[in-house]
Amino acid sequence: MSKIALPTTSGIITLLTDFGTEDGYVGAMKGVILSGLPNSKLVDISHDIRPFDVHQAAFVLNNYSRNFPKSTIHLVVVDPGVGTKREGLVLQSGGQYFIGPNNGVFSYIYRSRKYEAFRIQEKKLGTKISHTFHGRDVFAPVAVRIGKGEPLKSFCNIFTNLYSFIETPEDFKKGEYRLKIIHVDHFGNLILNFTFEDWQNLGGPEDIKVQVNHSFVKGIKRTFGAVKEKELVVTWDSQGYLQIAQNCGNASQLLKKSAGNSVRMTIPKSEN
């Protein structure tokens, strides 16, 4: 059984939600945190996650969290199942803490990092809990407790039944793969569920071909500017995921593709 460590924190707490900023929900969470930790440094990552879009939140979290110092607390509240039987979690990974619901928001952490997971025992928090606002009444108080250095065992139990939505590339014919678009970023780049590690495991073939609708893109380029403006290009994103982009354009709009859609990748048979 894992040893539950005594937290020590940097004082930095990041916030990622789908709350927007016009209704005061973010302010309520900040009020709880600052009442308990008046010297904490609150960092707003985004409150513009699409409503209920756990997949987007998970991808965004994976993009930024590694860049914060050890002992940072990451608070993620995109929680369409609030008040149901879904669990509240605390993860420890890479010296950082992650707080949020067990609904897939930590899927990329499960896939690519070492971690320990704990279930929040709400009855041990000693606070009045709304059925519809766990960001304020559960997750923010947990951030305060961790920030004060309270041992996780005082309000958490070790937990292993973690939900993840990560899908591996589907090999539907030798040398051909069905890839899924897992994220569309601000620039319209189509980010796929195929990693640099996946590519290396296939031998690192350079002359892959990606088909979207009736458009074909051959090869993996180093960067967007390797092709002419408005041309499509396949490259690696900053986290090592394969992506389809339009140089100085919007691939999502051009190809009429969004998160959840599929594309086809072909690898020459000589590479298999």
Protein backbone atom coordinates (compact mmCIF):
# COMPACT_ATOMS: atom_id res chain seq x y z
CA MET A 1 0.00 0.00 0.00
CA SER A 2 1.25 3.46 -0.89
CA LYS A 3 2.38 5.76 1.88
CA ILE A 4 0.27 8.92 2.10
CA ALA A 5 2.72 11.77 2.16
CA LEU A 6 2.52 14.94 4.20
CA PRO A 7 2.01 17.71 1.64
CA THR A 8 4.25 20.71 1.34
CA THR A 9 3.13 23.34 -1.16
CA SER A 10 4.53 26.26 -3.12
CA GLY A 11 1.55 28.50 -2.40
CA ILE A 12 0.56 28.41 -6.09
CA ILE A 13 -2.96 27.24 -6.90
CA THR A 14 -4.09 27.09 -10.52
CA LEU A 15 -7.75 27.15 -11.50
CA LEU A 16 -9.26 25.59 -14.63
CA THR A 17 -13.06 25.60 -15.01
CA ASP A 18 -15.96 25.88 -17.43
CA PHE A 19 -17.67 28.49 -15.23
CA GLY A 20 -17.06 31.61 -17.28
CA THR A 21 -16.55 34.80 -15.30
CA GLU A 22 -19.93 36.54 -15.36
CA ASP A 23 -21.78 34.61 -12.64
CA GLY A 24 -19.42 34.81 -9.67
CA TYR A 25 -18.75 31.06 -9.42
CA VAL A 26 -15.01 31.51 -9.85
CA GLY A 27 -15.06 34.33 -7.32
CA ALA A 28 -16.80 32.10 -4.78
CA MET A 29 -14.05 29.49 -5.08
CA LYS A 30 -11.36 32.11 -4.78
CA GLY A 31 -13.06 33.51 -1.70
CA VAL A 32 -12.96 30.11 0.01
CA ILE A 33 -9.30 29.62 -0.87
CA LEU A 34 -8.19 33.10 0.17
CA SER A 35 -10.12 32.89 3.43
CA GLY A 36 -8.08 29.84 4.36
CA LEU A 37 -4.84 30.71 2.56
CA PRO A 38 -4.65 34.52 2.31
CA ASN A 39 -1.08 34.44 0.99
CA SER A 40 -1.71 31.91 -1.77
CA LYS A 41 -0.96 32.79 -5.39
CA LEU A 42 -4.03 32.08 -7.51
CA VAL A 43 -3.39 31.56 -11.23
CA ASP A 44 -6.37 31.61 -13.61
CA ILE A 45 -5.55 29.21 -16.44
CA SER A 46 -8.97 29.45 -18.11
CA HIS A 47 -12.62 29.62 -17.19
CA ASP A 48 -13.66 29.33 -20.83
CA ILE A 49 -13.53 25.57 -21.20
CA ARG A 50 -16.59 24.63 -23.24
CA PRO A 51 -19.42 23.80 -20.81
CA PHE A 52 -19.19 20.19 -19.60
CA ASP A 53 -16.27 19.42 -21.97
CA VAL A 54 -14.17 17.10 -19.83
CA HIS A 55 -12.04 16.10 -22.84
CA GLN A 56 -10.98 19.68 -23.51
CA ALA A 57 -10.21 20.28 -19.85
CA ALA A 58 -8.04 17.16 -19.68
CA PHE A 59 -6.04 18.20 -22.73
CA VAL A 60 -5.57 21.77 -21.50
CA LEU A 61 -4.44 20.52 -18.07
CA ASN A 62 -1.86 18.27 -19.69
CA ASN A 63 -0.55 21.22 -21.71
CA TYR A 64 0.27 23.54 -18.83
CA SER A 65 0.64 21.61 -15.59
CA ARG A 66 4.18 20.30 -16.15
CA ASN A 67 5.48 23.86 -16.44
CA PHE A 68 4.59 24.81 -12.87
CA PRO A 69 6.97 24.23 -9.94
CA LYS A 70 6.73 21.25 -7.63
CA SER A 71 4.10 21.49 -4.89
CA THR A 72 1.74 23.50 -7.09
CA ILE A 73 -1.93 22.66 -6.51
CA HIS A 74 -4.01 22.32 -9.68
CA LEU A 75 -7.75 22.74 -9.15
CA VAL A 76 -9.87 21.47 -12.07
CA VAL A 77 -13.64 21.89 -11.96
CA VAL A 78 -15.37 20.74 -15.13
CA ASP A 79 -17.95 18.57 -13.47
CA PRO A 80 -21.18 17.69 -15.29
CA GLY A 81 -21.73 14.87 -12.77
CA VAL A 82 -21.62 17.11 -9.70
CA GLY A 83 -23.74 15.72 -6.86
CA THR A 84 -23.88 12.20 -8.31
CA LYS A 85 -21.93 9.15 -7.16
CA ARG A 86 -18.82 10.18 -9.09
CA GLU A 87 -15.88 10.54 -6.71
CA GLY A 88 -13.79 13.59 -5.90
CA LEU A 89 -10.05 12.99 -6.27
CA VAL A 90 -6.66 14.21 -5.19
CA LEU A 91 -3.68 13.08 -7.27
CA GLN A 92 -0.02 13.42 -6.40
CA SER A 93 2.20 13.40 -9.48
CA GLY A 94 5.67 14.80 -10.02
CA GLY A 95 5.51 16.60 -6.69
CA GLN A 96 2.32 18.41 -7.69
CA TYR A 97 -1.28 18.04 -6.51
CA PHE A 98 -4.37 17.71 -8.70
CA ILE A 99 -7.88 18.15 -7.32
CA GLY A 100 -11.06 17.45 -9.26
CA PRO A 101 -13.78 14.93 -10.14
CA ASN A 102 -13.25 11.33 -11.25
CA ASN A 103 -14.73 11.91 -14.70
CA GLY A 104 -11.72 11.79 -17.01
CA VAL A 105 -10.22 15.25 -16.44
CA PHE A 106 -6.98 13.55 -15.35
CA SER A 107 -6.89 11.02 -18.23
CA TYR A 108 -3.62 12.28 -19.74
CA ILE A 109 -1.92 12.20 -16.35
CA TYR A 110 -2.93 8.57 -15.95
CA ARG A 111 -1.47 7.77 -19.35
CA SER A 112 1.87 9.53 -19.21
CA ARG A 113 2.91 10.14 -15.60
CA LYS A 114 3.55 8.34 -12.36
CA TYR A 115 0.93 9.22 -9.77
CA GLU A 116 -0.86 8.27 -6.58
CA ALA A 117 -4.62 8.72 -6.38
CA PHE A 118 -6.83 9.41 -3.37
CA ARG A 119 -10.57 9.71 -2.93
CA ILE A 120 -11.87 12.72 -1.03
CA GLN A 121 -14.01 11.75 1.94
CA GLU A 122 -16.53 14.57 1.90
CA LYS A 123 -17.91 13.82 5.36
CA LYS A 124 -14.46 14.48 6.83
CA LEU A 125 -14.29 18.01 5.45
CA GLY A 126 -16.68 19.33 8.09
CA THR A 127 -18.30 21.79 5.70
CA LYS A 128 -21.83 22.24 4.39
CA ILE A 129 -21.88 20.86 0.84
CA SER A 130 -24.23 21.92 -1.92
CA HIS A 131 -25.38 19.23 -4.34
CA THR A 132 -24.55 21.49 -7.30
CA PHE A 133 -21.36 23.41 -6.40
CA HIS A 134 -18.58 21.08 -5.31
CA GLY A 135 -16.01 23.51 -6.71
CA ARG A 136 -16.76 25.84 -3.81
CA ASP A 137 -17.80 23.33 -1.15
CA VAL A 138 -15.46 20.35 -1.74
CA PHE A 139 -12.55 21.05 -4.07
CA ALA A 140 -11.64 24.55 -2.86
CA PRO A 141 -11.67 23.45 0.83
CA VAL A 142 -9.46 20.49 -0.09
CA ALA A 143 -7.00 22.88 -1.76
CA VAL A 144 -6.92 24.89 1.48
CA ARG A 145 -6.24 21.78 3.57
CA ILE A 146 -3.41 20.69 1.30
CA GLY A 147 -2.03 24.22 1.27
CA LYS A 148 -1.96 24.24 5.06
CA GLY A 149 0.04 21.02 5.08
CA GLU A 150 -2.64 18.71 6.44
CA PRO A 151 -1.93 15.01 5.81
CA LEU A 152 -4.07 13.54 3.05
CA LYS A 153 -5.04 10.64 5.28
CA SER A 154 -7.10 13.05 7.39
CA PHE A 155 -9.64 13.53 4.59
CA CYS A 156 -8.72 11.06 1.81
CA ASN A 157 -8.41 7.33 1.19
CA ILE A 158 -6.20 5.62 -1.40
CA PHE A 159 -8.23 5.02 -4.56
CA THR A 160 -7.66 2.94 -7.71
CA ASN A 161 -10.94 2.92 -9.68
CA LEU A 162 -9.99 5.80 -11.95
CA TYR A 163 -11.99 6.75 -15.03
CA SER A 164 -10.12 7.54 -18.24
CA PHE A 165 -11.44 8.18 -21.75
CA ILE A 166 -8.10 7.74 -23.54
CA GLU A 167 -8.39 5.61 -26.68
CA THR A 168 -5.44 4.05 -28.48
CA PRO A 169 -5.19 4.23 -32.29
CA GLU A 170 -7.36 1.59 -33.95
CA ASP A 171 -5.49 -0.71 -36.32
CA PHE A 172 -8.26 -1.66 -38.74
CA LYS A 173 -5.98 -3.03 -41.48
CA LYS A 174 -2.29 -3.83 -41.49
CA GLY A 175 -0.49 -0.56 -42.07
CA GLU A 176 -3.69 1.50 -41.75
CA TYR A 177 -4.92 3.19 -38.59
CA ARG A 178 -8.05 5.05 -37.62
CA LEU A 179 -7.01 8.01 -35.49
CA LYS A 180 -9.36 10.16 -33.45
CA ILE A 181 -9.23 13.94 -33.14
CA ILE A 182 -8.86 14.51 -29.40
CA HIS A 183 -8.61 18.29 -29.41
CA VAL A 184 -9.00 21.30 -31.68
CA ASP A 185 -6.91 24.21 -30.46
CA HIS A 186 -7.42 27.97 -30.83
CA PHE A 187 -5.76 27.92 -34.26
CA GLY A 188 -7.92 25.11 -35.59
CA ASN A 189 -5.17 22.51 -35.44
CA LEU A 190 -6.53 18.95 -35.29
CA ILE A 191 -4.65 17.07 -32.57
CA LEU A 192 -4.79 13.29 -32.84
CA ASN A 193 -4.59 10.35 -30.42
CA PHE A 194 -1.21 9.31 -31.82
CA THR A 195 1.95 10.16 -29.90
CA PHE A 196 5.61 10.42 -30.77
CA GLU A 197 6.09 7.26 -28.70
CA ASP A 198 3.45 5.47 -30.77
CA TRP A 199 5.32 6.55 -33.90
CA GLN A 200 8.64 5.30 -32.55
CA ASN A 201 7.07 1.94 -31.68
CA LEU A 202 6.12 1.61 -35.35
CA GLY A 203 9.72 2.23 -36.38
CA GLY A 204 9.47 5.97 -36.96
CA PRO A 205 8.23 5.89 -40.57
CA GLU A 206 8.75 9.23 -42.32
CA ASP A 207 6.42 8.72 -45.29
CA ILE A 208 3.10 8.29 -43.53
CA LYS A 209 -0.04 9.50 -45.28
CA VAL A 210 -2.97 11.05 -43.45
CA GLN A 211 -6.37 11.20 -45.15
CA VAL A 212 -9.14 13.55 -44.07
CA ASN A 213 -12.22 13.45 -46.28
CA HIS A 214 -10.72 13.71 -49.79
CA SER A 215 -7.57 15.51 -48.66
CA PHE A 216 -4.24 13.70 -48.29
CA VAL A 217 -1.19 14.94 -46.39
CA LYS A 218 2.07 13.06 -46.80
CA GLY A 219 4.99 12.98 -44.39
CA ILE A 220 5.64 14.57 -41.00
CA LYS A 221 7.19 18.04 -41.10
CA ARG A 222 9.15 19.80 -38.36
CA THR A 223 6.91 22.85 -38.22
CA PHE A 224 4.06 24.73 -39.88
CA GLY A 225 6.32 26.87 -42.06
CA ALA A 226 7.71 23.81 -43.82
CA VAL A 227 4.85 24.22 -46.32
CA LYS A 228 3.41 27.22 -48.16
CA GLU A 229 0.75 29.39 -46.55
CA LYS A 230 -2.73 27.82 -46.55
CA GLU A 231 -1.32 24.35 -47.26
CA LEU A 232 -2.05 21.46 -44.92
CA VAL A 233 0.78 20.00 -42.88
CA VAL A 234 1.23 17.14 -40.42
CA THR A 235 3.59 17.82 -37.51
CA TRP A 236 4.04 17.12 -33.80
CA ASP A 237 2.42 19.43 -31.29
CA SER A 238 4.34 20.72 -28.27
CA GLN A 239 3.26 17.74 -26.12
CA GLY A 240 4.25 15.12 -28.71
CA TYR A 241 0.86 14.46 -30.32
CA LEU A 242 0.46 14.22 -34.08
CA GLN A 243 -1.54 17.13 -35.49
CA ILE A 244 -2.98 18.30 -38.79
CA ALA A 245 -2.64 22.03 -39.36
CA GLN A 246 -3.13 24.58 -42.11
CA ASN A 247 -0.19 26.95 -42.28
CA CYS A 248 -1.58 30.41 -41.41
CA GLY A 249 -5.09 28.99 -41.58
CA ASN A 250 -7.63 26.87 -39.73
CA ALA A 251 -7.57 23.14 -40.52
CA SER A 252 -10.74 22.47 -38.54
CA GLN A 253 -12.75 24.92 -40.61
CA LEU A 254 -11.13 23.92 -43.88
CA LEU A 255 -11.73 20.19 -43.38
CA LYS A 256 -14.97 20.58 -41.41
CA LYS A 257 -13.64 18.33 -38.64
CA SER A 258 -13.97 18.62 -34.88
CA ALA A 259 -13.02 16.74 -31.72
CA GLY A 260 -14.33 13.18 -31.78
CA ASN A 261 -14.11 12.81 -35.56
CA SER A 262 -11.78 10.26 -37.13
CA VAL A 263 -9.06 10.39 -39.80
CA ARG A 264 -7.10 7.64 -41.54
CA MET A 265 -3.34 7.19 -41.37
CA THR A 266 -1.53 4.87 -43.76
CA ILE A 267 2.00 3.56 -43.30
CA PRO A 268 3.82 1.90 -46.21
CA LYS A 269 3.92 -1.86 -45.85
CA SER A 270 7.70 -1.87 -46.04
CA GLU A 271 7.75 -0.14 -42.66
CA ASN A 272 5.71 -2.86 -40.91
